[in-house]
Full PDB file with SEQRES, HELIX, SHEET, SSBOND, CRYST1, ORIGX, SCALE, CONECT and MASTER records, all heavy atoms in Angstrom:
SEQRES   1 A   37  SER ALA GLN ARG GLY VAL THR ASP ASP VAL LEU ALA ALA          
SEQRES   2 A   37  ILE ASP ALA SER ALA ARG GLU VAL VAL SER ASP ALA LEU          
SEQRES   3 A   37  THR TRP ALA ALA SER ARG PRO LEU PRO THR ALA                  
HELIX    1 AA1 ASP A    8  SER A   31  1                                  24    
CRYST1    1.000    1.000    1.000  90.00  90.00  90.00 P 1           1          
ORIGX1      1.000000  0.000000  0.000000        0.00000                         
ORIGX2      0.000000  1.000000  0.000000        0.00000                         
ORIGX3      0.000000  0.000000  1.000000        0.00000                         
SCALE1      1.000000  0.000000  0.000000        0.00000                         
SCALE2      0.000000  1.000000  0.000000        0.00000                         
SCALE3      0.000000  0.000000  1.000000        0.00000                         
ATOM      1  N   SER A   1     -66.409 -54.556 -42.419  1.00  0.00           N  
ATOM      2  CA  SER A   1     -66.808 -55.127 -43.720  1.00  0.00           C  
ATOM      3  C   SER A   1     -66.992 -54.029 -44.783  1.00  0.00           C  
ATOM      4  O   SER A   1     -66.492 -54.125 -45.894  1.00  0.00           O  
ATOM      5  CB  SER A   1     -68.091 -55.955 -43.565  1.00  0.00           C  
ATOM      6  OG  SER A   1     -68.539 -56.455 -44.810  1.00  0.00           O  
ATOM      7  N   ALA A   2     -67.725 -52.986 -44.398  1.00  0.00           N  
ATOM      8  CA  ALA A   2     -68.079 -51.951 -45.351  1.00  0.00           C  
ATOM      9  C   ALA A   2     -66.916 -51.001 -45.671  1.00  0.00           C  
ATOM     10  O   ALA A   2     -66.712 -50.618 -46.840  1.00  0.00           O  
ATOM     11  CB  ALA A   2     -69.253 -51.131 -44.825  1.00  0.00           C  
ATOM     12  N   GLN A   3     -66.110 -50.628 -44.673  1.00  0.00           N  
ATOM     13  CA  GLN A   3     -65.074 -49.615 -44.875  1.00  0.00           C  
ATOM     14  C   GLN A   3     -63.690 -50.170 -45.111  1.00  0.00           C  
ATOM     15  O   GLN A   3     -62.833 -49.513 -45.691  1.00  0.00           O  
ATOM     16  CB  GLN A   3     -65.054 -48.694 -43.675  1.00  0.00           C  
ATOM     17  CG  GLN A   3     -66.340 -47.911 -43.451  1.00  0.00           C  
ATOM     18  CD  GLN A   3     -66.261 -46.958 -42.274  1.00  0.00           C  
ATOM     19  OE1 GLN A   3     -65.201 -46.758 -41.654  1.00  0.00           O  
ATOM     20  NE2 GLN A   3     -67.375 -46.335 -41.929  1.00  0.00           N  
ATOM     21  N   ARG A   4     -63.458 -51.401 -44.668  1.00  0.00           N  
ATOM     22  CA  ARG A   4     -62.094 -51.947 -44.787  1.00  0.00           C  
ATOM     23  C   ARG A   4     -62.059 -53.248 -45.612  1.00  0.00           C  
ATOM     24  O   ARG A   4     -61.002 -53.820 -45.816  1.00  0.00           O  
ATOM     25  CB  ARG A   4     -61.502 -52.228 -43.391  1.00  0.00           C  
ATOM     26  CG  ARG A   4     -61.312 -50.929 -42.580  1.00  0.00           C  
ATOM     27  CD  ARG A   4     -60.742 -51.227 -41.229  1.00  0.00           C  
ATOM     28  NE  ARG A   4     -60.605 -50.054 -40.375  1.00  0.00           N  
ATOM     29  CZ  ARG A   4     -59.496 -49.294 -40.274  1.00  0.00           C  
ATOM     30  NH1 ARG A   4     -58.434 -49.632 -41.009  1.00  0.00           N  
ATOM     31  NH2 ARG A   4     -59.449 -48.261 -39.497  1.00  0.00           N  
ATOM     32  N   GLY A   5     -63.206 -53.713 -46.045  1.00  0.00           N  
ATOM     33  CA  GLY A   5     -63.275 -54.880 -46.912  1.00  0.00           C  
ATOM     34  C   GLY A   5     -62.914 -56.205 -46.221  1.00  0.00           C  
ATOM     35  O   GLY A   5     -62.522 -57.151 -46.869  1.00  0.00           O  
ATOM     36  N   VAL A   6     -63.049 -56.238 -44.909  1.00  0.00           N  
ATOM     37  CA  VAL A   6     -62.797 -57.496 -44.156  1.00  0.00           C  
ATOM     38  C   VAL A   6     -63.921 -58.467 -44.491  1.00  0.00           C  
ATOM     39  O   VAL A   6     -65.093 -58.130 -44.368  1.00  0.00           O  
ATOM     40  CB  VAL A   6     -62.712 -57.253 -42.680  1.00  0.00           C  
ATOM     41  CG1 VAL A   6     -62.384 -58.545 -41.945  1.00  0.00           C  
ATOM     42  CG2 VAL A   6     -61.638 -56.211 -42.355  1.00  0.00           C  
ATOM     43  N   THR A   7     -63.572 -59.655 -44.923  1.00  0.00           N  
ATOM     44  CA  THR A   7     -64.577 -60.604 -45.403  1.00  0.00           C  
ATOM     45  C   THR A   7     -65.356 -61.227 -44.251  1.00  0.00           C  
ATOM     46  O   THR A   7     -64.893 -61.293 -43.106  1.00  0.00           O  
ATOM     47  CB  THR A   7     -63.917 -61.726 -46.228  1.00  0.00           C  
ATOM     48  OG1 THR A   7     -63.089 -62.509 -45.345  1.00  0.00           O  
ATOM     49  CG2 THR A   7     -63.106 -61.160 -47.370  1.00  0.00           C  
ATOM     50  N   ASP A   8     -66.548 -61.726 -44.577  1.00  0.00           N  
ATOM     51  CA  ASP A   8     -67.367 -62.417 -43.586  1.00  0.00           C  
ATOM     52  C   ASP A   8     -66.662 -63.633 -43.038  1.00  0.00           C  
ATOM     53  O   ASP A   8     -66.812 -63.985 -41.874  1.00  0.00           O  
ATOM     54  CB  ASP A   8     -68.707 -62.801 -44.197  1.00  0.00           C  
ATOM     55  CG  ASP A   8     -69.606 -61.629 -44.409  1.00  0.00           C  
ATOM     56  OD1 ASP A   8     -69.380 -60.552 -43.806  1.00  0.00           O  
ATOM     57  OD2 ASP A   8     -70.582 -61.739 -45.196  1.00  0.00           O  
ATOM     58  N   ASP A   9     -65.883 -64.302 -43.903  1.00  0.00           N  
ATOM     59  CA  ASP A   9     -65.160 -65.506 -43.421  1.00  0.00           C  
ATOM     60  C   ASP A   9     -64.160 -65.178 -42.361  1.00  0.00           C  
ATOM     61  O   ASP A   9     -64.037 -65.903 -41.342  1.00  0.00           O  
ATOM     62  CB  ASP A   9     -64.468 -66.178 -44.606  1.00  0.00           C  
ATOM     63  CG  ASP A   9     -65.402 -66.895 -45.557  1.00  0.00           C  
ATOM     64  OD1 ASP A   9     -66.571 -67.103 -45.153  1.00  0.00           O  
ATOM     65  OD2 ASP A   9     -64.999 -67.233 -46.699  1.00  0.00           O  
ATOM     66  N   VAL A  10     -63.462 -64.062 -42.529  1.00  0.00           N  
ATOM     67  CA  VAL A  10     -62.448 -63.617 -41.539  1.00  0.00           C  
ATOM     68  C   VAL A  10     -63.148 -63.265 -40.213  1.00  0.00           C  
ATOM     69  O   VAL A  10     -62.739 -63.678 -39.152  1.00  0.00           O  
ATOM     70  CB  VAL A  10     -61.627 -62.440 -42.078  1.00  0.00           C  
ATOM     71  CG1 VAL A  10     -60.797 -61.796 -40.964  1.00  0.00           C  
ATOM     72  CG2 VAL A  10     -60.722 -62.901 -43.211  1.00  0.00           C  
ATOM     73  N   LEU A  11     -64.222 -62.517 -40.340  1.00  0.00           N  
ATOM     74  CA  LEU A  11     -64.955 -62.083 -39.139  1.00  0.00           C  
ATOM     75  C   LEU A  11     -65.581 -63.254 -38.425  1.00  0.00           C  
ATOM     76  O   LEU A  11     -65.579 -63.352 -37.177  1.00  0.00           O  
ATOM     77  CB  LEU A  11     -65.986 -61.040 -39.490  1.00  0.00           C  
ATOM     78  CG  LEU A  11     -65.448 -59.711 -40.030  1.00  0.00           C  
ATOM     79  CD1 LEU A  11     -66.543 -58.879 -40.653  1.00  0.00           C  
ATOM     80  CD2 LEU A  11     -64.787 -58.926 -38.914  1.00  0.00           C  
ATOM     81  N   ALA A  12     -66.127 -64.191 -39.203  1.00  0.00           N  
ATOM     82  CA  ALA A  12     -66.731 -65.392 -38.603  1.00  0.00           C  
ATOM     83  C   ALA A  12     -65.703 -66.214 -37.864  1.00  0.00           C  
ATOM     84  O   ALA A  12     -65.951 -66.807 -36.835  1.00  0.00           O  
ATOM     85  CB  ALA A  12     -67.447 -66.197 -39.670  1.00  0.00           C  
ATOM     86  N   ALA A  13     -64.502 -66.308 -38.443  1.00  0.00           N  
ATOM     87  CA  ALA A  13     -63.416 -67.045 -37.824  1.00  0.00           C  
ATOM     88  C   ALA A  13     -62.992 -66.405 -36.495  1.00  0.00           C  
ATOM     89  O   ALA A  13     -62.707 -67.112 -35.503  1.00  0.00           O  
ATOM     90  CB  ALA A  13     -62.203 -67.156 -38.758  1.00  0.00           C  
ATOM     91  N   ILE A  14     -62.989 -65.085 -36.457  1.00  0.00           N  
ATOM     92  CA  ILE A  14     -62.654 -64.403 -35.199  1.00  0.00           C  
ATOM     93  C   ILE A  14     -63.703 -64.697 -34.151  1.00  0.00           C  
ATOM     94  O   ILE A  14     -63.376 -64.997 -33.002  1.00  0.00           O  
ATOM     95  CB  ILE A  14     -62.550 -62.860 -35.463  1.00  0.00           C  
ATOM     96  CG1 ILE A  14     -61.311 -62.555 -36.313  1.00  0.00           C  
ATOM     97  CG2 ILE A  14     -62.524 -62.101 -34.129  1.00  0.00           C  
ATOM     98  CD1 ILE A  14     -61.247 -61.105 -36.775  1.00  0.00           C  
ATOM     99  N   ASP A  15     -64.977 -64.633 -34.531  1.00  0.00           N  
ATOM    100  CA  ASP A  15     -66.060 -64.914 -33.584  1.00  0.00           C  
ATOM    101  C   ASP A  15     -65.985 -66.360 -33.082  1.00  0.00           C  
ATOM    102  O   ASP A  15     -66.195 -66.607 -31.896  1.00  0.00           O  
ATOM    103  CB  ASP A  15     -67.411 -64.640 -34.259  1.00  0.00           C  
ATOM    104  CG  ASP A  15     -67.650 -63.172 -34.550  1.00  0.00           C  
ATOM    105  OD1 ASP A  15     -66.952 -62.331 -33.917  1.00  0.00           O  
ATOM    106  OD2 ASP A  15     -68.473 -62.879 -35.415  1.00  0.00           O  
ATOM    107  N   ALA A  16     -65.715 -67.269 -33.977  1.00  0.00           N  
ATOM    108  CA  ALA A  16     -65.638 -68.675 -33.588  1.00  0.00           C  
ATOM    109  C   ALA A  16     -64.498 -68.909 -32.616  1.00  0.00           C  
ATOM    110  O   ALA A  16     -64.605 -69.669 -31.653  1.00  0.00           O  
ATOM    111  CB  ALA A  16     -65.495 -69.563 -34.825  1.00  0.00           C  
ATOM    112  N   SER A  17     -63.351 -68.255 -32.893  1.00  0.00           N  
ATOM    113  CA  SER A  17     -62.180 -68.401 -32.027  1.00  0.00           C  
ATOM    114  C   SER A  17     -62.503 -67.836 -30.638  1.00  0.00           C  
ATOM    115  O   SER A  17     -62.111 -68.400 -29.608  1.00  0.00           O  
ATOM    116  CB  SER A  17     -61.004 -67.670 -32.637  1.00  0.00           C  
ATOM    117  OG  SER A  17     -59.884 -67.700 -31.754  1.00  0.00           O  
ATOM    118  N   ALA A  18     -63.204 -66.694 -30.595  1.00  0.00           N  
ATOM    119  CA  ALA A  18     -63.574 -66.088 -29.329  1.00  0.00           C  
ATOM    120  C   ALA A  18     -64.434 -67.044 -28.493  1.00  0.00           C  
ATOM    121  O   ALA A  18     -64.237 -67.209 -27.285  1.00  0.00           O  
ATOM    122  CB  ALA A  18     -64.267 -64.772 -29.552  1.00  0.00           C  
ATOM    123  N   ARG A  19     -65.423 -67.632 -29.165  1.00  0.00           N  
ATOM    124  CA  ARG A  19     -66.292 -68.586 -28.454  1.00  0.00           C  
ATOM    125  C   ARG A  19     -65.501 -69.772 -27.883  1.00  0.00           C  
ATOM    126  O   ARG A  19     -65.735 -70.171 -26.762  1.00  0.00           O  
ATOM    127  CB  ARG A  19     -67.395 -69.106 -29.400  1.00  0.00           C  
ATOM    128  CG  ARG A  19     -68.488 -68.138 -29.699  1.00  0.00           C  
ATOM    129  CD  ARG A  19     -69.665 -68.778 -30.382  1.00  0.00           C  
ATOM    130  NE  ARG A  19     -69.296 -69.245 -31.700  1.00  0.00           N  
ATOM    131  CZ  ARG A  19     -69.380 -68.538 -32.811  1.00  0.00           C  
ATOM    132  NH1 ARG A  19     -69.763 -67.272 -32.742  1.00  0.00           N  
ATOM    133  NH2 ARG A  19     -69.029 -69.057 -33.975  1.00  0.00           N  
ATOM    134  N   GLU A  20     -64.583 -70.249 -28.655  1.00  0.00           N  
ATOM    135  CA  GLU A  20     -63.771 -71.410 -28.244  1.00  0.00           C  
ATOM    136  C   GLU A  20     -62.865 -71.046 -27.086  1.00  0.00           C  
ATOM    137  O   GLU A  20     -62.747 -71.804 -26.108  1.00  0.00           O  
ATOM    138  CB  GLU A  20     -62.956 -71.939 -29.412  1.00  0.00           C  
ATOM    139  CG  GLU A  20     -62.123 -73.172 -29.097  1.00  0.00           C  
ATOM    140  CD  GLU A  20     -61.357 -73.707 -30.283  1.00  0.00           C  
ATOM    141  OE1 GLU A  20     -61.532 -73.164 -31.423  1.00  0.00           O  
ATOM    142  OE2 GLU A  20     -60.599 -74.663 -30.100  1.00  0.00           O  
ATOM    143  N   VAL A  21     -62.218 -69.877 -27.175  1.00  0.00           N  
ATOM    144  CA  VAL A  21     -61.296 -69.454 -26.104  1.00  0.00           C  
ATOM    145  C   VAL A  21     -62.061 -69.289 -24.803  1.00  0.00           C  
ATOM    146  O   VAL A  21     -61.583 -69.752 -23.714  1.00  0.00           O  
ATOM    147  CB  VAL A  21     -60.586 -68.130 -26.512  1.00  0.00           C  
ATOM    148  CG1 VAL A  21     -59.879 -67.507 -25.294  1.00  0.00           C  
ATOM    149  CG2 VAL A  21     -59.593 -68.389 -27.620  1.00  0.00           C  
ATOM    150  N   VAL A  22     -63.207 -68.652 -24.843  1.00  0.00           N  
ATOM    151  CA  VAL A  22     -63.981 -68.419 -23.609  1.00  0.00           C  
ATOM    152  C   VAL A  22     -64.530 -69.743 -23.078  1.00  0.00           C  
ATOM    153  O   VAL A  22     -64.458 -70.020 -21.875  1.00  0.00           O  
ATOM    154  CB  VAL A  22     -65.123 -67.436 -23.901  1.00  0.00           C  
ATOM    155  CG1 VAL A  22     -66.016 -67.321 -22.679  1.00  0.00           C  
ATOM    156  CG2 VAL A  22     -64.552 -66.039 -24.226  1.00  0.00           C  
ATOM    157  N   SER A  23     -65.068 -70.558 -23.956  1.00  0.00           N  
ATOM    158  CA  SER A  23     -65.604 -71.869 -23.539  1.00  0.00           C  
ATOM    159  C   SER A  23     -64.552 -72.719 -22.887  1.00  0.00           C  
ATOM    160  O   SER A  23     -64.801 -73.333 -21.817  1.00  0.00           O  
ATOM    161  CB  SER A  23     -66.250 -72.606 -24.692  1.00  0.00           C  
ATOM    162  OG  SER A  23     -66.751 -73.855 -24.333  1.00  0.00           O  
ATOM    163  N   ASP A  24     -63.369 -72.744 -23.487  1.00  0.00           N  
ATOM    164  CA  ASP A  24     -62.269 -73.505 -22.928  1.00  0.00           C  
ATOM    165  C   ASP A  24     -61.875 -72.981 -21.536  1.00  0.00           C  
ATOM    166  O   ASP A  24     -61.625 -73.775 -20.602  1.00  0.00           O  
ATOM    167  CB  ASP A  24     -61.072 -73.452 -23.879  1.00  0.00           C  
ATOM    168  CG  ASP A  24     -59.838 -74.121 -23.290  1.00  0.00           C  
ATOM    169  OD1 ASP A  24     -59.779 -75.365 -23.257  1.00  0.00           O  
ATOM    170  OD2 ASP A  24     -58.921 -73.382 -22.868  1.00  0.00           O  
ATOM    171  N   ALA A  25     -61.827 -71.656 -21.397  1.00  0.00           N  
ATOM    172  CA  ALA A  25     -61.422 -71.062 -20.111  1.00  0.00           C  
ATOM    173  C   ALA A  25     -62.445 -71.387 -19.024  1.00  0.00           C  
ATOM    174  O   ALA A  25     -62.089 -71.688 -17.893  1.00  0.00           O  
ATOM    175  CB  ALA A  25     -61.274 -69.553 -20.274  1.00  0.00           C  
ATOM    176  N   LEU A  26     -63.747 -71.325 -19.359  1.00  0.00           N  
ATOM    177  CA  LEU A  26     -64.766 -71.602 -18.363  1.00  0.00           C  
ATOM    178  C   LEU A  26     -64.763 -73.070 -17.949  1.00  0.00           C  
ATOM    179  O   LEU A  26     -64.913 -73.397 -16.749  1.00  0.00           O  
ATOM    180  CB  LEU A  26     -66.148 -71.214 -18.906  1.00  0.00           C  
ATOM    181  CG  LEU A  26     -66.379 -69.709 -19.107  1.00  0.00           C  
ATOM    182  CD1 LEU A  26     -67.771 -69.471 -19.703  1.00  0.00           C  
ATOM    183  CD2 LEU A  26     -66.263 -68.962 -17.787  1.00  0.00           C  
ATOM    184  N   THR A  27     -64.575 -73.950 -18.929  1.00  0.00           N  
ATOM    185  CA  THR A  27     -64.514 -75.389 -18.595  1.00  0.00           C  
ATOM    186  C   THR A  27     -63.311 -75.679 -17.688  1.00  0.00           C  
ATOM    187  O   THR A  27     -63.393 -76.425 -16.712  1.00  0.00           O  
ATOM    188  CB  THR A  27     -64.397 -76.195 -19.906  1.00  0.00           C  
ATOM    189  OG1 THR A  27     -65.551 -75.975 -20.717  1.00  0.00           O  
ATOM    190  CG2 THR A  27     -64.294 -77.683 -19.600  1.00  0.00           C  
ATOM    191  N   TRP A  28     -62.186 -75.048 -18.038  1.00  0.00           N  
ATOM    192  CA  TRP A  28     -60.967 -75.220 -17.242  1.00  0.00           C  
ATOM    193  C   TRP A  28     -61.190 -74.678 -15.800  1.00  0.00           C  
ATOM    194  O   TRP A  28     -60.862 -75.373 -14.843  1.00  0.00           O  
ATOM    195  CB  TRP A  28     -59.805 -74.494 -17.913  1.00  0.00           C  
ATOM    196  CG  TRP A  28     -58.628 -74.345 -17.039  1.00  0.00           C  
ATOM    197  CD1 TRP A  28     -57.634 -75.271 -16.774  1.00  0.00           C  
ATOM    198  CD2 TRP A  28     -58.225 -73.150 -16.314  1.00  0.00           C  
ATOM    199  NE1 TRP A  28     -56.686 -74.733 -15.932  1.00  0.00           N  
ATOM    200  CE2 TRP A  28     -57.014 -73.470 -15.653  1.00  0.00           C  
ATOM    201  CE3 TRP A  28     -58.764 -71.901 -16.174  1.00  0.00           C  
ATOM    202  CZ2 TRP A  28     -56.379 -72.528 -14.845  1.00  0.00           C  
ATOM    203  CZ3 TRP A  28     -58.132 -70.971 -15.382  1.00  0.00           C  
ATOM    204  CH2 TRP A  28     -56.944 -71.300 -14.715  1.00  0.00           C  
ATOM    205  N   ALA A  29     -61.718 -73.488 -15.675  1.00  0.00           N  
ATOM    206  CA  ALA A  29     -61.893 -72.887 -14.358  1.00  0.00           C  
ATOM    207  C   ALA A  29     -62.847 -73.696 -13.508  1.00  0.00           C  
ATOM    208  O   ALA A  29     -62.638 -73.818 -12.289  1.00  0.00           O  
ATOM    209  CB  ALA A  29     -62.424 -71.452 -14.508  1.00  0.00           C  
ATOM    210  N   ALA A  30     -63.894 -74.236 -14.095  1.00  0.00           N  
ATOM    211  CA  ALA A  30     -64.868 -75.035 -13.333  1.00  0.00           C  
ATOM    212  C   ALA A  30     -64.251 -76.297 -12.783  1.00  0.00           C  
ATOM    213  O   ALA A  30     -64.749 -76.874 -11.808  1.00  0.00           O  
ATOM    214  CB  ALA A  30     -66.078 -75.350 -14.210  1.00  0.00           C  
ATOM    215  N   SER A  31     -63.157 -76.757 -13.394  1.00  0.00           N  
ATOM    216  CA  SER A  31     -62.534 -78.024 -12.959  1.00  0.00           C  
ATOM    217  C   SER A  31     -61.413 -77.785 -11.953  1.00  0.00           C  
ATOM    218  O   SER A  31     -60.884 -78.732 -11.404  1.00  0.00           O  
ATOM    219  CB  SER A  31     -61.962 -78.736 -14.167  1.00  0.00           C  
ATOM    220  OG  SER A  31     -60.841 -78.046 -14.695  1.00  0.00           O  
ATOM    221  N   ARG A  32     -61.063 -76.530 -11.707  1.00  0.00           N  
ATOM    222  CA  ARG A  32     -59.932 -76.231 -10.838  1.00  0.00           C  
ATOM    223  C   ARG A  32     -60.372 -76.154  -9.389  1.00  0.00           C  
ATOM    224  O   ARG A  32     -61.498 -75.791  -9.072  1.00  0.00           O  
ATOM    225  CB  ARG A  32     -59.278 -74.896 -11.271  1.00  0.00           C  
ATOM    226  CG  ARG A  32     -58.723 -74.917 -12.678  1.00  0.00           C  
ATOM    227  CD  ARG A  32     -57.629 -75.983 -12.804  1.00  0.00           C  
ATOM    228  NE  ARG A  32     -56.492 -75.631 -11.934  1.00  0.00           N  
ATOM    229  CZ  ARG A  32     -55.617 -76.495 -11.471  1.00  0.00           C  
ATOM    230  NH1 ARG A  32     -55.726 -77.777 -11.773  1.00  0.00           N  
ATOM    231  NH2 ARG A  32     -54.617 -76.119 -10.696  1.00  0.00           N  
ATOM    232  N   PRO A  33     -59.470 -76.477  -8.463  1.00  0.00           N  
ATOM    233  CA  PRO A  33     -59.803 -76.511  -7.040  1.00  0.00           C  
ATOM    234  C   PRO A  33     -59.996 -75.094  -6.480  1.00  0.00           C  
ATOM    235  O   PRO A  33     -59.356 -74.136  -6.932  1.00  0.00           O  
ATOM    236  CB  PRO A  33     -58.624 -77.189  -6.405  1.00  0.00           C  
ATOM    237  CG  PRO A  33     -57.485 -76.980  -7.313  1.00  0.00           C  
ATOM    238  CD  PRO A  33     -58.059 -76.970  -8.701  1.00  0.00           C  
ATOM    239  N   LEU A  34     -60.886 -75.019  -5.495  1.00  0.00           N  
ATOM    240  CA  LEU A  34     -61.055 -73.785  -4.739  1.00  0.00           C  
ATOM    241  C   LEU A  34     -59.996 -73.686  -3.660  1.00  0.00           C  
ATOM    242  O   LEU A  34     -59.388 -74.692  -3.285  1.00  0.00           O  
ATOM    243  CB  LEU A  34     -62.457 -73.731  -4.154  1.00  0.00           C  
ATOM    244  CG  LEU A  34     -63.600 -73.731  -5.127  1.00  0.00           C  
ATOM    245  CD1 LEU A  34     -64.943 -73.762  -4.400  1.00  0.00           C  
ATOM    246  CD2 LEU A  34     -63.554 -72.565  -6.059  1.00  0.00           C  
ATOM    247  N   PRO A  35     -59.750 -72.516  -3.097  1.00  0.00           N  
ATOM    248  CA  PRO A  35     -58.691 -72.398  -2.096  1.00  0.00           C  
ATOM    249  C   PRO A  35     -59.072 -73.098  -0.789  1.00  0.00           C  
ATOM    250  O   PRO A  35     -60.231 -73.186  -0.418  1.00  0.00           O  
ATOM    251  CB  PRO A  35     -58.598 -70.881  -1.864  1.00  0.00           C  
ATOM    252  CG  PRO A  35     -59.909 -70.329  -2.303  1.00  0.00           C  
ATOM    253  CD  PRO A  35     -60.373 -71.201  -3.413  1.00  0.00           C  
ATOM    254  N   THR A  36     -58.056 -73.578  -0.133  1.00  0.00           N  
ATOM    255  CA  THR A  36     -58.245 -74.170   1.211  1.00  0.00           C  
ATOM    256  C   THR A  36     -58.190 -73.028   2.252  1.00  0.00           C  
ATOM    257  O   THR A  36     -57.874 -71.887   1.916  1.00  0.00           O  
ATOM    258  CB  THR A  36     -57.129 -75.167   1.527  1.00  0.00           C  
ATOM    259  OG1 THR A  36     -55.878 -74.465   1.582  1.00  0.00           O  
ATOM    260  CG2 THR A  36     -57.062 -76.266   0.471  1.00  0.00           C  
ATOM    261  N   ALA A  37     -58.490 -73.368   3.489  1.00  0.00           N  
ATOM    262  CA  ALA A  37     -58.424 -72.359   4.555  1.00  0.00           C  
ATOM    263  C   ALA A  37     -56.971 -71.813   4.666  1.00  0.00           C  
ATOM    264  O   ALA A  37     -56.760 -70.629   4.895  1.00  0.00           O  
ATOM    265  CB  ALA A  37     -58.850 -72.974   5.888  1.00  0.00           C  
TER     266      ALA A  37                                                      
MASTER        0    0    0    1    0    0    0    6  265    1    0    3          
END                                                                             
C-alpha cells in the first residue's frame, strides 16, 4: 500500500479470495472418502 500504491480494495479482494479458496478446499476434503484397506 505504502510503496506501490496498491489499494485497500485490491488487497481486501485478495484476502477474501484466499479465504474462499481455503474454505472451499476444506469443505471438499471433509466430504471425500478415506482410503480402503
